[in-house]
Amino acid sequence: MSFIADKQTLEDLNLLGKFKQHSIFSLFNKVNTSGAEKLLNEMFQNPLTEPGAINKRSAILKYFQSKQLSFPFANEQFSMVDNYLSGSGGRHYLTALIVLGKKKLLGTIVRDEEYKKTQSSLQQTIALLNQCKTFISQFSNDDDHPFYNEVLAVKNILDDPKLEWLAAEQNSQLSLTKMARYDNLLRHKMQAALTTVIDTFYLLDLYISVANLAQAKDFNFAQARPKEDNLFTATAVRHPGIEKAVANPVSFHQHSNMIFLTGANMAGKSTFMKAFGINVYLAHMGFPVAAKGMEFSVKDGIYTSINVPDNLNMGYSHFYAEVLRVKNVAEQVSSGKSLVIIFDELFKGTNVKDAYDATLAVTAAFSEYANCLFIISTHIIEAGEVLKERNNIQMLYLPTIMNGNIPQYTYKLQPGISSDRHGMMIIENEGILELLDTN
């Protein structure tokens, strides 16, 4: 079963998109080759739900982080060789000789460039395979790492006696007969094996780049545990896309599955919830997280409700769009799935009395699903006063410290319910009423 994250969630957390500003994908997209970029996109599209697979990928990335390697190849090299190997070659040496002979003759008579292109592609393929052999040899004395089997497979292919001519032909001007023999070997007899080499080097590019990013950003690796353990713990969770972001501890378990979060506007509630959601998603990918000491039980998916848009074309007000979103999540939760749920400011599209009643009722109902983890933020602090009687709900808030009339924010979670009411003071500080004063 694949990890669930719907379009709304992906948008709320800004997870995907190569060209989307500040997306988490673009943060990790430091690869050199288009093949590695394609693999990275596939990993972002398909987080894992099996603890063993998650921990194996994390172990591979940790291994490459310890090696601190650079990927010494350019995208153009691999793109050209990939295209060459996937092209059609002669199924037999004689066929390849005839085809190349015709191309060479055409090049002499009518200045056709096909022969020269094939010659150049073959020479560049030889050069790249020699470089790959040199690069992979540095792992020859390292046989206990989690990527060993893949490395060994590549080494065995490149050490195949049928390729022992590679080094000798590195800078040679190849004759027609040699070209035909090598072209037939590389593009027919060994095409599948050499495709494995190329694909493994795309993975190497990805693993090395992600591992180096983890080192540069001081990211760490989470430990995945079975769903049945039903816990999440981290000593310091921060937003991976914000430099010098403030970190906070987060902990859930079977008997404490919800955080009820309060605090003033700009105190950091939305950023904290996004940070938590993003790191949960990255952890299920087996990728480095902006957290420390993180252990988590695998979940079936994540749903957020942070920036719910109205839909005027369908006649939906903002409030009704919120209600539909909560209904959709309730259907998923009640189906028995183990989920992470993040709601930022429930029912802010309606009046205070309805918002209070709805927030209280919905939060209490969700909290009964102990197999799910919830973070729910609100300005309706009165609901928190009622809900704090429930032992499974953690009451946390992000404080505001007043420096005279100027609010300052620590972005550090505190136990309890916020009593901050500084909205009017901020309005007055901005001089809005003075601007509107007609007297």
Protein backbone atom coordinates (compact mmCIF):
# COMPACT_ATOMS: atom_id res chain seq x y z
CA MET A 1 0.00 0.00 0.00
CA SER A 2 1.34 3.43 -0.93
CA PHE A 3 1.57 6.37 1.46
CA ILE A 4 -1.41 8.73 1.09
CA ALA A 5 -1.01 12.48 0.63
CA ASP A 6 -3.66 14.21 -1.44
CA LYS A 7 -3.32 17.33 -3.57
CA GLN A 8 -4.41 19.66 -0.76
CA THR A 9 -1.75 18.24 1.56
CA LEU A 10 0.99 18.42 -1.06
CA GLU A 11 0.06 22.06 -1.69
CA ASP A 12 -0.19 22.98 2.00
CA LEU A 13 3.27 21.58 2.72
CA ASN A 14 4.75 22.79 -0.59
CA LEU A 15 6.31 19.38 -1.14
CA LEU A 16 6.46 18.95 -4.91
CA GLY A 17 7.44 21.02 -7.93
CA LYS A 18 10.80 21.48 -9.59
CA PHE A 19 10.10 25.11 -10.40
CA LYS A 20 7.84 25.91 -7.46
CA GLN A 21 9.41 28.51 -5.21
CA HIS A 22 10.77 27.11 -1.95
CA SER A 23 9.33 23.64 -2.55
CA ILE A 24 10.84 20.80 -0.54
CA PHE A 25 11.56 18.96 -3.79
CA SER A 26 13.63 21.90 -5.05
CA LEU A 27 15.49 21.97 -1.71
CA PHE A 28 16.64 18.38 -2.29
CA ASN A 29 17.06 18.65 -6.05
CA LYS A 30 20.84 19.09 -6.14
CA VAL A 31 21.48 16.14 -8.44
CA ASN A 32 23.72 16.29 -11.50
CA THR A 33 21.86 14.06 -13.95
CA SER A 34 18.36 14.06 -15.39
CA GLY A 35 18.12 10.36 -14.58
CA ALA A 36 18.72 11.07 -10.90
CA GLU A 37 16.21 13.92 -10.99
CA LYS A 38 13.60 11.52 -12.38
CA LEU A 39 14.34 9.07 -9.55
CA LEU A 40 14.12 11.88 -6.99
CA ASN A 41 10.71 12.87 -8.32
CA GLU A 42 9.53 9.25 -8.14
CA MET A 43 10.67 9.02 -4.51
CA PHE A 44 8.85 12.24 -3.63
CA GLN A 45 5.71 10.95 -5.34
CA ASN A 46 5.85 7.58 -3.56
CA PRO A 47 6.82 7.65 0.14
CA LEU A 48 7.21 4.24 1.75
CA THR A 49 5.07 2.50 4.36
CA GLU A 50 7.25 -0.50 5.23
CA PRO A 51 9.73 0.12 8.10
CA GLY A 52 12.41 -2.15 6.64
CA ALA A 53 12.41 -0.37 3.27
CA ILE A 54 12.47 3.05 4.94
CA ASN A 55 15.33 2.14 7.26
CA LYS A 56 17.31 0.57 4.41
CA ARG A 57 17.12 3.75 2.33
CA SER A 58 18.09 5.81 5.37
CA ALA A 59 21.04 3.50 5.99
CA ILE A 60 22.22 3.90 2.38
CA LEU A 61 22.04 7.69 2.66
CA LYS A 62 23.86 7.64 6.01
CA TYR A 63 26.59 5.53 4.44
CA PHE A 64 27.12 8.03 1.63
CA GLN A 65 27.01 10.89 4.11
CA SER A 66 29.95 9.24 5.91
CA LYS A 67 31.86 8.92 2.62
CA GLN A 68 31.44 12.63 1.68
CA LEU A 69 31.86 11.96 -2.04
CA SER A 70 31.43 14.19 -5.06
CA PHE A 71 29.71 12.85 -8.16
CA PRO A 72 32.33 13.56 -10.85
CA PHE A 73 30.10 13.33 -13.92
CA ALA A 74 28.06 15.80 -15.94
CA ASN A 75 24.51 15.31 -17.11
CA GLU A 76 25.58 15.58 -20.77
CA GLN A 77 27.82 12.53 -20.43
CA PHE A 78 25.10 10.28 -19.12
CA SER A 79 22.38 11.63 -21.39
CA MET A 80 24.47 10.97 -24.48
CA VAL A 81 25.50 7.46 -23.37
CA ASP A 82 21.96 6.64 -22.25
CA ASN A 83 20.65 7.66 -25.66
CA TYR A 84 23.39 5.71 -27.43
CA LEU A 85 22.81 2.49 -25.49
CA SER A 86 19.04 2.68 -25.94
CA GLY A 87 19.39 3.19 -29.68
CA SER A 88 19.17 0.42 -32.22
CA GLY A 89 22.31 -1.50 -32.98
CA GLY A 90 23.02 -4.47 -35.18
CA ARG A 91 21.91 -7.76 -33.72
CA HIS A 92 25.00 -9.40 -35.24
CA TYR A 93 28.52 -8.20 -35.92
CA LEU A 94 28.08 -8.55 -39.69
CA THR A 95 24.85 -6.54 -39.61
CA ALA A 96 26.53 -3.78 -37.56
CA LEU A 97 29.47 -3.77 -40.00
CA ILE A 98 27.20 -3.38 -43.02
CA VAL A 99 25.11 -0.61 -41.40
CA LEU A 100 28.16 1.36 -40.27
CA GLY A 101 29.86 0.79 -43.62
CA LYS A 102 26.88 2.37 -45.40
CA LYS A 103 26.94 5.32 -43.00
CA LYS A 104 30.65 5.85 -43.60
CA LEU A 105 30.18 5.69 -47.36
CA LEU A 106 27.34 8.22 -47.20
CA GLY A 107 29.52 10.47 -45.08
CA THR A 108 32.18 10.41 -47.80
CA ILE A 109 29.80 10.92 -50.73
CA VAL A 110 27.15 13.35 -49.44
CA ARG A 111 28.72 14.54 -46.18
CA ASP A 112 26.18 12.64 -44.09
CA GLU A 113 27.00 13.06 -40.38
CA GLU A 114 25.51 9.81 -39.03
CA TYR A 115 28.78 7.87 -39.10
CA LYS A 116 30.63 10.62 -37.23
CA LYS A 117 27.82 10.86 -34.68
CA THR A 118 27.91 7.12 -34.05
CA GLN A 119 31.71 7.22 -33.82
CA SER A 120 31.59 10.10 -31.32
CA SER A 121 28.87 8.46 -29.23
CA LEU A 122 30.81 5.19 -29.08
CA GLN A 123 34.02 6.95 -28.04
CA GLN A 124 32.19 8.93 -25.34
CA THR A 125 30.55 5.73 -24.11
CA ILE A 126 33.95 4.06 -23.84
CA ALA A 127 35.30 7.07 -21.93
CA LEU A 128 32.34 7.13 -19.52
CA LEU A 129 32.48 3.39 -18.82
CA ASN A 130 36.18 3.73 -17.99
CA GLN A 131 35.37 6.60 -15.62
CA CYS A 132 32.58 4.56 -14.04
CA LYS A 133 34.97 1.67 -13.50
CA THR A 134 37.48 3.96 -11.78
CA PHE A 135 34.80 5.57 -9.60
CA ILE A 136 33.23 2.29 -8.49
CA SER A 137 36.64 0.80 -7.64
CA GLN A 138 36.92 3.04 -4.56
CA PHE A 139 34.26 0.85 -2.93
CA SER A 140 36.24 -2.37 -3.55
CA ASN A 141 37.47 -2.73 0.04
CA ASP A 142 34.17 -1.71 1.60
CA ASP A 143 31.92 -4.76 1.68
CA ASP A 144 29.61 -4.15 4.65
CA HIS A 145 27.59 -1.15 3.50
CA PRO A 146 23.87 -1.26 2.58
CA PHE A 147 24.50 -0.45 -1.10
CA TYR A 148 27.06 -3.24 -1.49
CA ASN A 149 25.00 -5.57 -3.68
CA GLU A 150 24.28 -2.84 -6.22
CA VAL A 151 27.93 -1.76 -6.29
CA LEU A 152 29.09 -5.38 -6.66
CA ALA A 153 26.70 -5.90 -9.59
CA VAL A 154 28.17 -2.88 -11.39
CA LYS A 155 31.75 -3.97 -10.65
CA ASN A 156 31.05 -7.45 -12.03
CA ILE A 157 29.60 -6.01 -15.24
CA LEU A 158 32.48 -3.60 -15.81
CA ASP A 159 35.02 -6.33 -14.98
CA ASP A 160 33.45 -8.70 -17.52
CA PRO A 161 36.21 -10.12 -19.78
CA LYS A 162 34.14 -9.02 -22.78
CA LEU A 163 34.94 -5.40 -21.77
CA GLU A 164 38.65 -5.81 -21.08
CA TRP A 165 39.44 -3.71 -24.19
CA LEU A 166 37.82 -0.58 -22.70
CA ALA A 167 40.98 0.91 -21.16
CA ALA A 168 43.11 0.26 -24.26
CA GLU A 169 40.60 2.00 -26.54
CA GLN A 170 40.13 5.04 -24.29
CA ASN A 171 41.58 7.54 -26.79
CA SER A 172 41.92 5.40 -29.88
CA GLN A 173 40.76 6.27 -33.38
CA LEU A 174 38.54 3.28 -34.01
CA SER A 175 38.54 1.43 -37.30
CA LEU A 176 35.29 0.47 -39.00
CA THR A 177 35.67 -3.18 -37.99
CA LYS A 178 36.35 -2.29 -34.34
CA MET A 179 33.42 0.09 -34.30
CA ALA A 180 31.13 -2.63 -35.63
CA ARG A 181 32.37 -5.16 -33.07
CA TYR A 182 32.13 -2.77 -30.11
CA ASP A 183 28.79 -1.31 -31.23
CA ASN A 184 27.29 -4.79 -31.52
CA LEU A 185 28.65 -5.74 -28.08
CA LEU A 186 27.52 -2.60 -26.23
CA ARG A 187 24.15 -2.01 -27.87
CA HIS A 188 23.06 -5.60 -28.29
CA LYS A 189 24.89 -8.28 -26.35
CA MET A 190 25.48 -6.20 -23.20
CA GLN A 191 22.78 -3.56 -23.53
CA ALA A 192 20.73 -4.75 -20.54
CA ALA A 193 23.78 -5.07 -18.30
CA LEU A 194 25.10 -1.62 -19.24
CA THR A 195 21.66 -0.12 -18.68
CA THR A 196 21.93 -1.50 -15.14
CA VAL A 197 25.26 0.32 -14.78
CA ILE A 198 23.75 3.61 -15.94
CA ASP A 199 20.71 3.23 -13.70
CA THR A 200 22.91 2.45 -10.70
CA PHE A 201 24.96 5.56 -11.35
CA TYR A 202 21.76 7.62 -11.41
CA LEU A 203 21.05 6.21 -7.95
CA LEU A 204 24.59 7.04 -6.87
CA ASP A 205 24.10 10.60 -8.06
CA LEU A 206 20.88 10.87 -6.05
CA TYR A 207 22.24 9.27 -2.89
CA ILE A 208 25.44 11.30 -2.91
CA SER A 209 23.63 14.61 -3.48
CA VAL A 210 20.98 13.97 -0.80
CA ALA A 211 23.63 12.77 1.66
CA ASN A 212 25.74 15.86 1.04
CA LEU A 213 22.70 18.09 1.54
CA ALA A 214 22.03 16.36 4.86
CA GLN A 215 25.61 17.07 5.91
CA ALA A 216 25.44 20.72 4.86
CA LYS A 217 22.04 21.36 6.49
CA ASP A 218 22.68 19.32 9.65
CA PHE A 219 19.76 17.05 8.84
CA ASN A 220 19.49 13.66 10.51
CA PHE A 221 17.84 10.31 9.85
CA ALA A 222 14.71 9.02 11.54
CA GLN A 223 14.21 5.45 12.69
CA ALA A 224 11.06 3.81 11.34
CA ARG A 225 9.15 1.44 13.59
CA PRO A 226 6.14 -0.81 13.00
CA LYS A 227 2.69 0.75 12.78
CA GLU A 228 1.62 -1.15 15.90
CA ASP A 229 4.09 0.76 18.10
CA ASN A 230 1.99 3.88 17.45
CA LEU A 231 4.45 6.57 18.47
CA PHE A 232 6.29 9.62 17.25
CA THR A 233 9.11 11.26 19.14
CA ALA A 234 11.73 13.84 18.23
CA THR A 235 13.84 16.03 20.46
CA ALA A 236 14.02 18.88 17.94
CA VAL A 237 11.82 19.39 14.86
CA ARG A 238 12.32 22.41 12.60
CA HIS A 239 11.26 23.58 9.16
CA PRO A 240 13.81 22.25 6.61
CA GLY A 241 13.30 25.18 4.25
CA ILE A 242 13.94 27.97 6.78
CA GLU A 243 17.48 28.92 7.68
CA LYS A 244 18.09 29.02 11.44
CA ALA A 245 14.56 27.81 12.10
CA VAL A 246 13.66 27.34 15.77
CA ALA A 247 13.35 23.66 16.72
CA ASN A 248 10.80 22.14 19.07
CA PRO A 249 10.39 18.72 20.69
CA VAL A 250 7.38 16.69 19.59
CA SER A 251 6.07 13.51 21.17
CA PHE A 252 3.01 11.35 20.63
CA HIS A 253 2.11 7.89 21.83
CA GLN A 254 -0.89 5.57 22.16
CA HIS A 255 -2.37 7.49 25.08
CA SER A 256 -1.41 10.99 23.93
CA ASN A 257 -2.30 11.27 20.27
CA MET A 258 -3.28 14.93 19.88
CA ILE A 259 -1.73 18.38 20.25
CA PHE A 260 -4.17 21.25 20.74
CA LEU A 261 -2.15 24.30 19.73
CA THR A 262 -2.89 27.91 20.55
CA GLY A 263 -1.03 31.18 20.18
CA ALA A 264 -1.30 34.62 18.63
CA ASN A 265 -1.08 35.30 14.91
CA MET A 266 2.58 35.35 13.82
CA ALA A 267 3.59 33.30 16.87
CA GLY A 268 4.59 30.44 14.53
CA LYS A 269 1.70 27.95 14.70
CA SER A 270 1.43 27.37 10.94
CA THR A 271 5.20 27.10 10.51
CA PHE A 272 5.45 24.56 13.32
CA MET A 273 2.65 22.43 11.87
CA LYS A 274 4.15 22.57 8.38
CA ALA A 275 7.54 21.63 9.82
CA PHE A 276 6.01 18.60 11.53
CA GLY A 277 4.10 17.52 8.41
CA ILE A 278 7.07 17.94 6.07
CA ASN A 279 9.35 15.93 8.33
CA VAL A 280 6.77 13.16 8.67
CA TYR A 281 6.63 12.98 4.87
CA LEU A 282 10.44 13.00 4.47
CA ALA A 283 10.78 10.33 7.15
CA HIS A 284 8.46 8.04 5.22
CA MET A 285 10.68 8.55 2.17
CA GLY A 286 13.69 7.41 4.20
CA PHE A 287 15.21 10.85 3.56
CA PRO A 288 17.09 13.06 6.02
CA VAL A 289 14.86 15.14 8.26
CA ALA A 290 15.24 18.52 9.93
CA ALA A 291 14.95 16.88 13.33
CA LYS A 292 16.99 15.14 15.99
CA GLY A 293 16.40 11.89 17.81
CA MET A 294 13.41 11.08 15.64
CA GLU A 295 11.58 7.75 15.86
CA PHE A 296 8.22 7.15 14.27
CA SER A 297 5.72 4.43 13.63
CA VAL A 298 4.85 4.23 9.96
CA LYS A 299 1.50 5.68 8.97
CA ASP A 300 -0.81 5.11 6.04
CA GLY A 301 -0.73 8.77 5.06
CA ILE A 302 -1.07 12.42 6.01
CA TYR A 303 -3.87 14.95 5.54
CA THR A 304 -3.61 18.67 6.20
CA SER A 305 -6.03 21.57 6.22
CA ILE A 306 -3.92 24.71 6.29
CA ASN A 307 -4.77 26.80 3.24
CA VAL A 308 -8.21 25.59 2.22
CA PRO A 309 -9.43 27.61 -0.79
CA ASP A 310 -13.03 28.46 -1.44
CA ASN A 311 -14.54 27.30 -4.73
CA LEU A 312 -16.71 30.03 -6.14
CA ASN A 313 -17.27 28.14 -9.39
CA MET A 314 -19.04 25.41 -7.42
CA GLY A 315 -20.73 27.88 -5.11
CA TYR A 316 -18.60 26.94 -2.09
CA SER A 317 -17.92 29.58 0.53
CA HIS A 318 -14.71 29.36 2.52
CA PHE A 319 -16.60 27.90 5.48
CA TYR A 320 -18.31 25.24 3.38
CA ALA A 321 -14.95 24.34 1.80
CA GLU A 322 -13.58 23.89 5.34
CA VAL A 323 -16.50 21.67 6.28
CA LEU A 324 -16.03 19.50 3.20
CA ARG A 325 -12.34 19.16 3.98
CA VAL A 326 -13.06 18.06 7.55
CA LYS A 327 -15.68 15.63 6.25
CA ASN A 328 -13.20 14.12 3.78
CA VAL A 329 -10.60 13.65 6.54
CA ALA A 330 -13.22 12.23 8.90
CA GLU A 331 -14.12 9.61 6.28
CA GLN A 332 -10.47 8.57 6.03
CA VAL A 333 -9.93 8.49 9.79
CA SER A 334 -13.12 6.53 10.47
CA SER A 335 -12.17 3.95 7.83
CA GLY A 336 -9.50 2.60 10.18
CA LYS A 337 -6.42 4.06 8.51
CA SER A 338 -3.48 5.16 10.66
CA LEU A 339 -2.98 8.79 9.66
CA VAL A 340 -1.29 12.04 10.58
CA ILE A 341 -3.83 14.88 10.59
CA ILE A 342 -2.99 18.60 10.73
CA PHE A 343 -5.73 21.24 11.00
CA ASP A 344 -4.74 24.90 11.14
CA GLU A 345 -7.51 27.15 12.52
CA LEU A 346 -10.59 24.97 12.27
CA PHE A 347 -13.73 26.72 11.05
CA LYS A 348 -12.29 30.21 10.80
CA GLY A 349 -14.84 30.95 8.06
CA THR A 350 -17.80 31.18 10.40
CA ASN A 351 -18.93 33.15 13.48
CA VAL A 352 -17.27 32.75 16.85
CA LYS A 353 -20.12 30.79 18.48
CA ASP A 354 -20.36 28.23 15.67
CA ALA A 355 -16.57 28.02 15.48
CA TYR A 356 -16.41 27.26 19.22
CA ASP A 357 -19.08 24.58 19.09
CA ALA A 358 -17.68 22.98 15.94
CA THR A 359 -14.05 23.07 17.10
CA LEU A 360 -14.97 21.51 20.44
CA ALA A 361 -17.13 18.75 18.96
CA VAL A 362 -14.85 17.85 16.04
CA THR A 363 -11.64 17.92 18.09
CA ALA A 364 -13.14 15.71 20.80
CA ALA A 365 -14.44 13.24 18.20
CA PHE A 366 -11.14 13.01 16.34
CA SER A 367 -9.16 12.51 19.56
CA GLU A 368 -10.90 9.15 20.09
CA TYR A 369 -8.99 7.63 17.16
CA ALA A 370 -5.86 6.55 19.04
CA ASN A 371 -4.22 5.06 15.94
CA CYS A 372 -3.96 8.54 14.37
CA LEU A 373 -1.86 11.57 15.34
CA PHE A 374 -3.42 15.03 15.31
CA ILE A 375 -2.25 18.62 15.57
CA ILE A 376 -5.13 21.08 15.71
CA SER A 377 -4.58 24.80 16.11
CA THR A 378 -7.18 27.40 16.94
CA HIS A 379 -7.81 30.89 18.28
CA ILE A 380 -10.84 29.52 20.13
CA ILE A 381 -8.99 29.12 23.44
CA GLU A 382 -12.26 28.57 25.29
CA ALA A 383 -12.52 25.19 23.57
CA GLY A 384 -9.14 24.31 25.00
CA GLU A 385 -10.37 24.93 28.54
CA VAL A 386 -12.95 22.17 28.05
CA LEU A 387 -10.70 19.79 26.12
CA LYS A 388 -7.83 19.93 28.61
CA GLU A 389 -9.78 17.52 30.81
CA ARG A 390 -8.98 14.80 28.26
CA ASN A 391 -5.74 13.03 29.18
CA ASN A 392 -4.84 12.16 25.59
CA ILE A 393 -4.73 15.80 24.40
CA GLN A 394 -1.55 17.82 24.92
CA MET A 395 -2.22 21.51 25.45
CA LEU A 396 0.64 23.50 23.91
CA TYR A 397 1.01 27.12 22.90
CA LEU A 398 3.48 29.46 21.25
CA PRO A 399 3.96 32.51 23.44
CA THR A 400 4.17 36.21 22.69
CA ILE A 401 6.46 38.41 24.76
CA MET A 402 5.59 42.11 24.86
CA ASN A 403 8.47 44.56 24.65
CA GLY A 404 6.47 47.65 25.49
CA ASN A 405 3.87 47.77 22.75
CA ILE A 406 5.92 45.60 20.43
CA PRO A 407 5.15 41.85 20.37
CA GLN A 408 8.08 39.45 20.10
CA TYR A 409 7.87 35.74 19.43
CA THR A 410 10.04 32.94 20.78
CA TYR A 411 8.64 30.20 18.46
CA LYS A 412 9.23 27.78 21.36
CA LEU A 413 6.40 25.52 22.44
CA GLN A 414 5.16 25.84 26.00
CA PRO A 415 2.68 23.65 27.91
CA GLY A 416 -0.73 25.20 28.44
CA ILE A 417 -3.20 27.38 26.59
CA SER A 418 -2.34 30.80 25.23
CA SER A 419 -3.93 33.86 26.81
CA ASP A 420 -2.38 36.25 24.30
CA ARG A 421 -4.80 38.80 22.88
CA HIS A 422 -2.64 41.30 21.08
CA GLY A 423 -4.47 41.70 17.79
CA MET A 424 -5.84 45.13 18.59
CA MET A 425 -2.46 46.30 19.81
CA ILE A 426 -0.86 45.29 16.50
CA ILE A 427 -3.61 47.12 14.59
CA GLU A 428 -2.96 50.23 16.69
CA ASN A 429 0.82 49.92 16.19
CA GLU A 430 0.29 49.95 12.44
CA GLY A 431 -1.67 53.22 12.68
CA ILE A 432 -4.70 51.91 10.80
CA LEU A 433 -7.25 53.78 12.89
CA GLU A 434 -5.34 57.03 12.50
CA LEU A 435 -5.37 56.58 8.72
CA LEU A 436 -9.14 56.22 8.80
CA ASP A 437 -9.78 59.07 11.24
CA THR A 438 -11.82 61.73 9.40
CA ASN A 439 -11.80 64.22 12.27
